[in-house]
Amino acid sequence: MSIANSDTTTYPNNSSSTFLNTNLVENANSQVSLNPATALEKYKKKDSSKVVVRFRAIGNAPILKQNFYKITASNKFQAVIQFLRKELNYKTSDPLFLYINSAFSPAPDEIVANLHKCFSTDQHLIINYCTSAAWG
């Protein structure tokens, strides 16, 4: 017996489920904004929430005077890299490696809010930094 022939049962059309499906569609359509400009403005509005970032030096990296900073959550990780370079007075040619929770190095286009949501510890995003590659 093949899988295709194993289920020959016909199921009756349940009118209550059809009613529920059309009711859900009508409710969804009524909640959709009719003005695309309003929806676009809502999408373009930059998130102003902040994320607490804690920097930890590894190896021979210079230690910051202040370890905790608040960074805008909608920024990309590239902004964190640039911020840390500025705080350490590093040039773009100087080696600097950043890791999340001593585990991995995120891509520069990652959003800080997503990293915080997934990898925060005690409501802080812990970023380890060093001058030579430490972890994969």
N, C-alpha and C. Protein backbone atom coordinates (compact mmCIF):
# COMPACT_ATOMS: atom_id res chain seq x y z
N MET A 1 0.85 -1.18 0.00
CA MET A 1 0.00 0.00 0.00
C MET A 1 0.90 1.24 0.00
N SER A 2 0.68 2.12 -0.93
CA SER A 2 1.51 3.32 -1.02
C SER A 2 0.93 4.43 -0.15
N ILE A 3 1.74 5.40 0.09
CA ILE A 3 1.32 6.52 0.93
C ILE A 3 0.21 7.32 0.26
N ALA A 4 0.27 7.46 -1.04
CA ALA A 4 -0.74 8.24 -1.75
C ALA A 4 -2.12 7.63 -1.64
N ASN A 5 -2.22 6.30 -1.58
CA ASN A 5 -3.52 5.64 -1.52
C ASN A 5 -3.97 5.35 -0.10
N SER A 6 -3.17 5.64 0.89
CA SER A 6 -3.49 5.26 2.26
C SER A 6 -4.64 6.06 2.86
N ASP A 7 -4.85 7.29 2.44
CA ASP A 7 -5.90 8.13 3.02
C ASP A 7 -6.92 8.48 1.95
N THR A 8 -7.99 7.72 1.91
CA THR A 8 -9.05 7.99 0.94
C THR A 8 -10.28 8.56 1.61
N THR A 9 -10.16 8.94 2.87
CA THR A 9 -11.28 9.49 3.60
C THR A 9 -11.60 10.89 3.11
N THR A 10 -12.87 11.16 2.91
CA THR A 10 -13.28 12.51 2.55
C THR A 10 -13.79 13.20 3.80
N TYR A 11 -13.45 14.44 3.93
CA TYR A 11 -13.83 15.22 5.10
C TYR A 11 -14.93 16.19 4.72
N PRO A 12 -15.96 16.28 5.54
CA PRO A 12 -17.05 17.21 5.22
C PRO A 12 -16.59 18.65 5.39
N ASN A 13 -17.19 19.53 4.60
CA ASN A 13 -16.89 20.95 4.70
C ASN A 13 -17.64 21.49 5.91
N ASN A 14 -16.93 21.95 6.86
CA ASN A 14 -17.51 22.47 8.08
C ASN A 14 -17.82 23.95 7.86
N SER A 15 -19.07 24.31 7.85
CA SER A 15 -19.47 25.69 7.56
C SER A 15 -19.02 26.65 8.65
N SER A 16 -18.90 26.18 9.90
CA SER A 16 -18.47 27.09 10.96
C SER A 16 -17.00 27.49 10.78
N SER A 17 -16.16 26.57 10.28
CA SER A 17 -14.76 26.94 10.05
C SER A 17 -14.65 27.91 8.89
N THR A 18 -15.50 27.78 7.88
CA THR A 18 -15.51 28.72 6.78
C THR A 18 -15.91 30.10 7.28
N PHE A 19 -16.91 30.15 8.17
CA PHE A 19 -17.34 31.41 8.75
C PHE A 19 -16.20 32.05 9.54
N LEU A 20 -15.48 31.23 10.33
CA LEU A 20 -14.37 31.76 11.13
C LEU A 20 -13.28 32.32 10.24
N ASN A 21 -12.96 31.62 9.16
CA ASN A 21 -11.91 32.08 8.26
C ASN A 21 -12.27 33.41 7.61
N THR A 22 -13.50 33.54 7.13
CA THR A 22 -13.90 34.80 6.51
C THR A 22 -13.99 35.91 7.55
N ASN A 23 -14.38 35.57 8.77
CA ASN A 23 -14.44 36.56 9.84
C ASN A 23 -13.04 37.06 10.19
N LEU A 24 -12.06 36.16 10.21
CA LEU A 24 -10.68 36.57 10.48
C LEU A 24 -10.15 37.49 9.40
N VAL A 25 -10.46 37.18 8.15
CA VAL A 25 -10.01 38.01 7.03
C VAL A 25 -10.63 39.39 7.11
N GLU A 26 -11.92 39.46 7.43
CA GLU A 26 -12.59 40.75 7.55
C GLU A 26 -12.00 41.58 8.69
N ASN A 27 -11.71 40.93 9.83
CA ASN A 27 -11.10 41.65 10.95
C ASN A 27 -9.71 42.15 10.61
N ALA A 28 -8.94 41.33 9.91
CA ALA A 28 -7.59 41.74 9.52
C ALA A 28 -7.64 42.91 8.55
N ASN A 29 -8.57 42.86 7.61
CA ASN A 29 -8.68 43.95 6.64
C ASN A 29 -9.13 45.25 7.31
N SER A 30 -9.97 45.16 8.32
CA SER A 30 -10.44 46.37 8.98
C SER A 30 -9.35 47.01 9.84
N GLN A 31 -8.35 46.22 10.28
CA GLN A 31 -7.29 46.75 11.12
C GLN A 31 -6.12 47.31 10.32
N VAL A 32 -6.08 47.05 9.03
CA VAL A 32 -5.00 47.54 8.18
C VAL A 32 -5.21 49.02 7.93
N SER A 33 -4.13 49.78 8.05
CA SER A 33 -4.20 51.21 7.79
C SER A 33 -4.48 51.44 6.31
N LEU A 34 -5.43 52.29 6.01
CA LEU A 34 -5.77 52.55 4.62
C LEU A 34 -4.83 53.57 3.99
N ASN A 35 -4.08 54.29 4.80
CA ASN A 35 -3.20 55.32 4.28
C ASN A 35 -1.76 54.79 4.23
N PRO A 36 -1.21 54.54 3.04
CA PRO A 36 0.15 54.01 2.96
C PRO A 36 1.20 54.99 3.47
N ALA A 37 0.95 56.28 3.37
CA ALA A 37 1.92 57.27 3.85
C ALA A 37 2.08 57.17 5.37
N THR A 38 0.98 56.92 6.08
CA THR A 38 1.04 56.76 7.53
C THR A 38 1.84 55.53 7.90
N ALA A 39 1.61 54.45 7.19
CA ALA A 39 2.35 53.21 7.45
C ALA A 39 3.83 53.40 7.16
N LEU A 40 4.16 54.12 6.11
CA LEU A 40 5.55 54.37 5.75
C LEU A 40 6.24 55.25 6.78
N GLU A 41 5.55 56.26 7.28
CA GLU A 41 6.13 57.12 8.31
C GLU A 41 6.39 56.34 9.60
N LYS A 42 5.47 55.44 9.94
CA LYS A 42 5.65 54.62 11.13
C LYS A 42 6.87 53.72 10.98
N TYR A 43 7.08 53.21 9.77
CA TYR A 43 8.22 52.33 9.49
C TYR A 43 9.53 53.12 9.50
N LYS A 44 9.51 54.34 8.97
CA LYS A 44 10.72 55.16 8.88
C LYS A 44 11.16 55.72 10.23
N LYS A 45 10.22 55.83 11.18
CA LYS A 45 10.53 56.42 12.47
C LYS A 45 11.60 55.58 13.17
N LYS A 46 12.68 56.23 13.56
CA LYS A 46 13.80 55.53 14.17
C LYS A 46 13.47 55.22 15.63
N ASP A 47 13.79 54.01 16.02
CA ASP A 47 13.57 53.57 17.39
C ASP A 47 14.54 54.31 18.30
N SER A 48 14.03 54.98 19.31
CA SER A 48 14.89 55.78 20.19
C SER A 48 15.23 55.04 21.48
N SER A 49 14.82 53.78 21.61
CA SER A 49 15.13 53.05 22.84
C SER A 49 16.63 52.78 22.92
N LYS A 50 17.10 52.63 24.14
CA LYS A 50 18.53 52.45 24.38
C LYS A 50 18.81 51.05 24.93
N VAL A 51 20.03 50.60 24.70
CA VAL A 51 20.50 49.31 25.17
C VAL A 51 21.77 49.56 25.98
N VAL A 52 21.89 48.91 27.13
CA VAL A 52 23.09 49.05 27.94
C VAL A 52 24.13 48.04 27.44
N VAL A 53 25.30 48.57 27.09
CA VAL A 53 26.40 47.76 26.58
C VAL A 53 27.54 47.81 27.58
N ARG A 54 28.10 46.66 27.88
CA ARG A 54 29.24 46.59 28.80
C ARG A 54 30.45 46.09 28.02
N PHE A 55 31.50 46.89 28.02
CA PHE A 55 32.73 46.53 27.32
C PHE A 55 33.72 45.90 28.30
N ARG A 56 34.31 44.79 27.88
CA ARG A 56 35.33 44.10 28.69
C ARG A 56 36.58 43.92 27.84
N ALA A 57 37.71 44.38 28.36
CA ALA A 57 38.98 44.23 27.66
C ALA A 57 39.51 42.81 27.84
N ILE A 58 40.12 42.29 26.78
CA ILE A 58 40.72 40.96 26.81
C ILE A 58 42.19 41.09 26.41
N GLY A 59 43.03 40.33 27.07
CA GLY A 59 44.45 40.32 26.70
C GLY A 59 45.11 41.67 26.96
N ASN A 60 45.82 42.16 25.94
CA ASN A 60 46.56 43.41 26.11
C ASN A 60 45.78 44.63 25.60
N ALA A 61 44.48 44.51 25.42
CA ALA A 61 43.67 45.65 24.99
C ALA A 61 43.58 46.68 26.11
N PRO A 62 43.60 47.96 25.77
CA PRO A 62 43.51 48.99 26.82
C PRO A 62 42.13 48.96 27.49
N ILE A 63 42.13 49.21 28.79
CA ILE A 63 40.90 49.19 29.57
C ILE A 63 40.24 50.56 29.51
N LEU A 64 38.95 50.58 29.30
CA LEU A 64 38.19 51.84 29.28
C LEU A 64 37.99 52.35 30.71
N LYS A 65 37.92 53.66 30.86
CA LYS A 65 37.65 54.24 32.18
C LYS A 65 36.22 53.95 32.60
N GLN A 66 35.33 53.93 31.63
CA GLN A 66 33.93 53.63 31.89
C GLN A 66 33.57 52.40 31.07
N ASN A 67 32.98 51.39 31.71
CA ASN A 67 32.66 50.14 31.01
C ASN A 67 31.24 50.10 30.46
N PHE A 68 30.31 50.83 31.07
CA PHE A 68 28.91 50.77 30.67
C PHE A 68 28.55 51.98 29.82
N TYR A 69 27.86 51.73 28.72
CA TYR A 69 27.39 52.80 27.84
C TYR A 69 25.98 52.46 27.39
N LYS A 70 25.19 53.50 27.13
CA LYS A 70 23.87 53.31 26.53
C LYS A 70 23.97 53.65 25.06
N ILE A 71 23.53 52.71 24.23
CA ILE A 71 23.62 52.87 22.79
C ILE A 71 22.22 52.70 22.21
N THR A 72 21.91 53.47 21.20
CA THR A 72 20.60 53.38 20.55
C THR A 72 20.41 51.97 19.98
N ALA A 73 19.27 51.38 20.30
CA ALA A 73 19.02 49.99 19.95
C ALA A 73 18.90 49.75 18.45
N SER A 74 18.49 50.76 17.70
CA SER A 74 18.29 50.58 16.26
C SER A 74 19.59 50.70 15.47
N ASN A 75 20.69 51.04 16.12
CA ASN A 75 21.98 51.14 15.43
C ASN A 75 22.47 49.77 14.99
N LYS A 76 23.29 49.78 13.96
CA LYS A 76 23.95 48.55 13.54
C LYS A 76 25.19 48.35 14.41
N PHE A 77 25.70 47.13 14.42
CA PHE A 77 26.87 46.82 15.23
C PHE A 77 28.09 47.61 14.76
N GLN A 78 28.08 48.03 13.50
CA GLN A 78 29.17 48.85 12.97
C GLN A 78 29.31 50.15 13.77
N ALA A 79 28.19 50.70 14.24
CA ALA A 79 28.24 51.91 15.06
C ALA A 79 28.93 51.64 16.39
N VAL A 80 28.74 50.45 16.95
CA VAL A 80 29.42 50.07 18.19
C VAL A 80 30.92 49.97 17.95
N ILE A 81 31.30 49.38 16.83
CA ILE A 81 32.72 49.26 16.49
C ILE A 81 33.36 50.65 16.35
N GLN A 82 32.68 51.53 15.63
CA GLN A 82 33.21 52.89 15.45
C GLN A 82 33.28 53.64 16.78
N PHE A 83 32.26 53.48 17.61
CA PHE A 83 32.24 54.13 18.92
C PHE A 83 33.42 53.66 19.77
N LEU A 84 33.66 52.35 19.80
CA LEU A 84 34.76 51.82 20.61
C LEU A 84 36.11 52.27 20.06
N ARG A 85 36.25 52.32 18.75
CA ARG A 85 37.50 52.83 18.15
C ARG A 85 37.75 54.28 18.58
N LYS A 86 36.68 55.07 18.61
CA LYS A 86 36.81 56.47 19.01
C LYS A 86 37.20 56.57 20.49
N GLU A 87 36.58 55.76 21.34
CA GLU A 87 36.89 55.79 22.77
C GLU A 87 38.33 55.35 23.05
N LEU A 88 38.83 54.40 22.27
CA LEU A 88 40.19 53.89 22.47
C LEU A 88 41.24 54.68 21.69
N ASN A 89 40.81 55.66 20.91
CA ASN A 89 41.69 56.43 20.03
C ASN A 89 42.44 55.53 19.05
N TYR A 90 41.71 54.56 18.50
CA TYR A 90 42.28 53.64 17.51
C TYR A 90 41.99 54.15 16.12
N LYS A 91 42.96 53.97 15.21
CA LYS A 91 42.74 54.27 13.80
C LYS A 91 42.03 53.09 13.16
N THR A 92 41.52 53.30 11.96
CA THR A 92 40.85 52.20 11.27
C THR A 92 41.83 51.10 10.88
N SER A 93 43.12 51.43 10.80
CA SER A 93 44.13 50.43 10.44
C SER A 93 44.57 49.60 11.65
N ASP A 94 44.29 50.06 12.87
CA ASP A 94 44.67 49.31 14.08
C ASP A 94 43.73 48.11 14.25
N PRO A 95 44.28 46.94 14.60
CA PRO A 95 43.43 45.75 14.76
C PRO A 95 42.55 45.86 16.01
N LEU A 96 41.29 45.53 15.86
CA LEU A 96 40.35 45.51 16.97
C LEU A 96 39.31 44.44 16.70
N PHE A 97 39.17 43.51 17.62
CA PHE A 97 38.23 42.40 17.47
C PHE A 97 37.19 42.49 18.58
N LEU A 98 35.92 42.39 18.21
CA LEU A 98 34.83 42.45 19.18
C LEU A 98 34.07 41.14 19.17
N TYR A 99 33.69 40.69 20.38
CA TYR A 99 32.97 39.43 20.54
C TYR A 99 31.80 39.64 21.49
N ILE A 100 30.73 38.92 21.25
CA ILE A 100 29.57 38.94 22.13
C ILE A 100 29.71 37.77 23.11
N ASN A 101 29.68 38.05 24.40
CA ASN A 101 29.76 37.03 25.46
C ASN A 101 30.93 36.07 25.29
N SER A 102 32.05 36.55 24.84
CA SER A 102 33.26 35.74 24.63
C SER A 102 33.00 34.54 23.72
N ALA A 103 32.06 34.67 22.82
CA ALA A 103 31.68 33.52 22.01
C ALA A 103 31.84 33.73 20.51
N PHE A 104 31.30 34.81 19.98
CA PHE A 104 31.30 35.00 18.53
C PHE A 104 31.40 36.48 18.19
N SER A 105 31.81 36.74 16.98
CA SER A 105 31.91 38.11 16.48
C SER A 105 30.74 38.36 15.52
N PRO A 106 29.83 39.26 15.86
CA PRO A 106 28.68 39.50 14.98
C PRO A 106 29.09 40.26 13.72
N ALA A 107 28.27 40.15 12.71
CA ALA A 107 28.48 40.89 11.47
C ALA A 107 28.24 42.38 11.74
N PRO A 108 28.95 43.25 11.05
CA PRO A 108 28.77 44.70 11.28
C PRO A 108 27.36 45.20 10.96
N ASP A 109 26.60 44.48 10.14
CA ASP A 109 25.26 44.95 9.80
C ASP A 109 24.17 44.39 10.73
N GLU A 110 24.55 43.68 11.78
CA GLU A 110 23.58 43.20 12.76
C GLU A 110 23.01 44.39 13.54
N ILE A 111 21.74 44.32 13.89
CA ILE A 111 21.09 45.37 14.67
C ILE A 111 21.36 45.11 16.16
N VAL A 112 21.74 46.16 16.88
CA VAL A 112 22.10 46.03 18.29
C VAL A 112 20.92 45.51 19.11
N ALA A 113 19.71 45.93 18.79
CA ALA A 113 18.53 45.47 19.54
C ALA A 113 18.35 43.96 19.41
N ASN A 114 18.59 43.42 18.23
CA ASN A 114 18.47 41.97 18.04
C ASN A 114 19.53 41.22 18.84
N LEU A 115 20.74 41.74 18.84
CA LEU A 115 21.80 41.11 19.63
C LEU A 115 21.47 41.16 21.12
N HIS A 116 20.95 42.30 21.56
CA HIS A 116 20.59 42.45 22.97
C HIS A 116 19.47 41.49 23.34
N LYS A 117 18.48 41.39 22.48
CA LYS A 117 17.34 40.52 22.75
C LYS A 117 17.76 39.05 22.86
N CYS A 118 18.70 38.64 22.02
CA CYS A 118 19.09 37.23 21.98
C CYS A 118 20.22 36.87 22.95
N PHE A 119 21.13 37.80 23.22
CA PHE A 119 22.35 37.44 23.93
C PHE A 119 22.64 38.28 25.17
N SER A 120 21.66 39.02 25.67
CA SER A 120 21.93 39.86 26.84
C SER A 120 22.06 39.02 28.11
N THR A 121 22.86 39.53 29.04
CA THR A 121 23.06 38.91 30.34
C THR A 121 22.79 39.98 31.38
N ASP A 122 21.81 39.75 32.25
CA ASP A 122 21.41 40.73 33.26
C ASP A 122 21.07 42.08 32.63
N GLN A 123 20.37 42.06 31.52
CA GLN A 123 19.94 43.25 30.78
C GLN A 123 21.10 44.05 30.20
N HIS A 124 22.30 43.47 30.12
CA HIS A 124 23.46 44.12 29.51
C HIS A 124 23.93 43.28 28.34
N LEU A 125 24.33 43.94 27.28
CA LEU A 125 24.97 43.26 26.16
C LEU A 125 26.47 43.33 26.42
N ILE A 126 27.07 42.19 26.71
CA ILE A 126 28.50 42.15 27.06
C ILE A 126 29.31 41.99 25.78
N ILE A 127 30.19 42.96 25.55
CA ILE A 127 31.04 42.96 24.36
C ILE A 127 32.49 42.90 24.82
N ASN A 128 33.16 41.82 24.47
CA ASN A 128 34.58 41.67 24.76
C ASN A 128 35.36 42.21 23.57
N TYR A 129 36.45 42.91 23.85
CA TYR A 129 37.27 43.45 22.75
C TYR A 129 38.74 43.18 23.02
N CYS A 130 39.48 42.98 21.93
CA CYS A 130 40.91 42.71 22.04
C CYS A 130 41.62 43.15 20.76
N THR A 131 42.95 43.13 20.81
CA THR A 131 43.73 43.59 19.66
C THR A 131 44.20 42.45 18.77
N SER A 132 43.97 41.21 19.18
CA SER A 132 44.28 40.05 18.34
C SER A 132 43.12 39.07 18.42
N ALA A 133 42.96 38.25 17.40
CA ALA A 133 41.83 37.32 17.36
C ALA A 133 41.90 36.36 18.54
N ALA A 134 40.80 36.25 19.28
CA ALA A 134 40.78 35.41 20.48
C ALA A 134 39.88 34.19 20.30
N TRP A 135 38.68 34.39 19.79
CA TRP A 135 37.73 33.29 19.59
C TRP A 135 37.32 33.28 18.13
N GLY A 136 36.72 32.15 17.72
CA GLY A 136 36.29 31.99 16.33
C GLY A 136 35.15 32.85 16.01
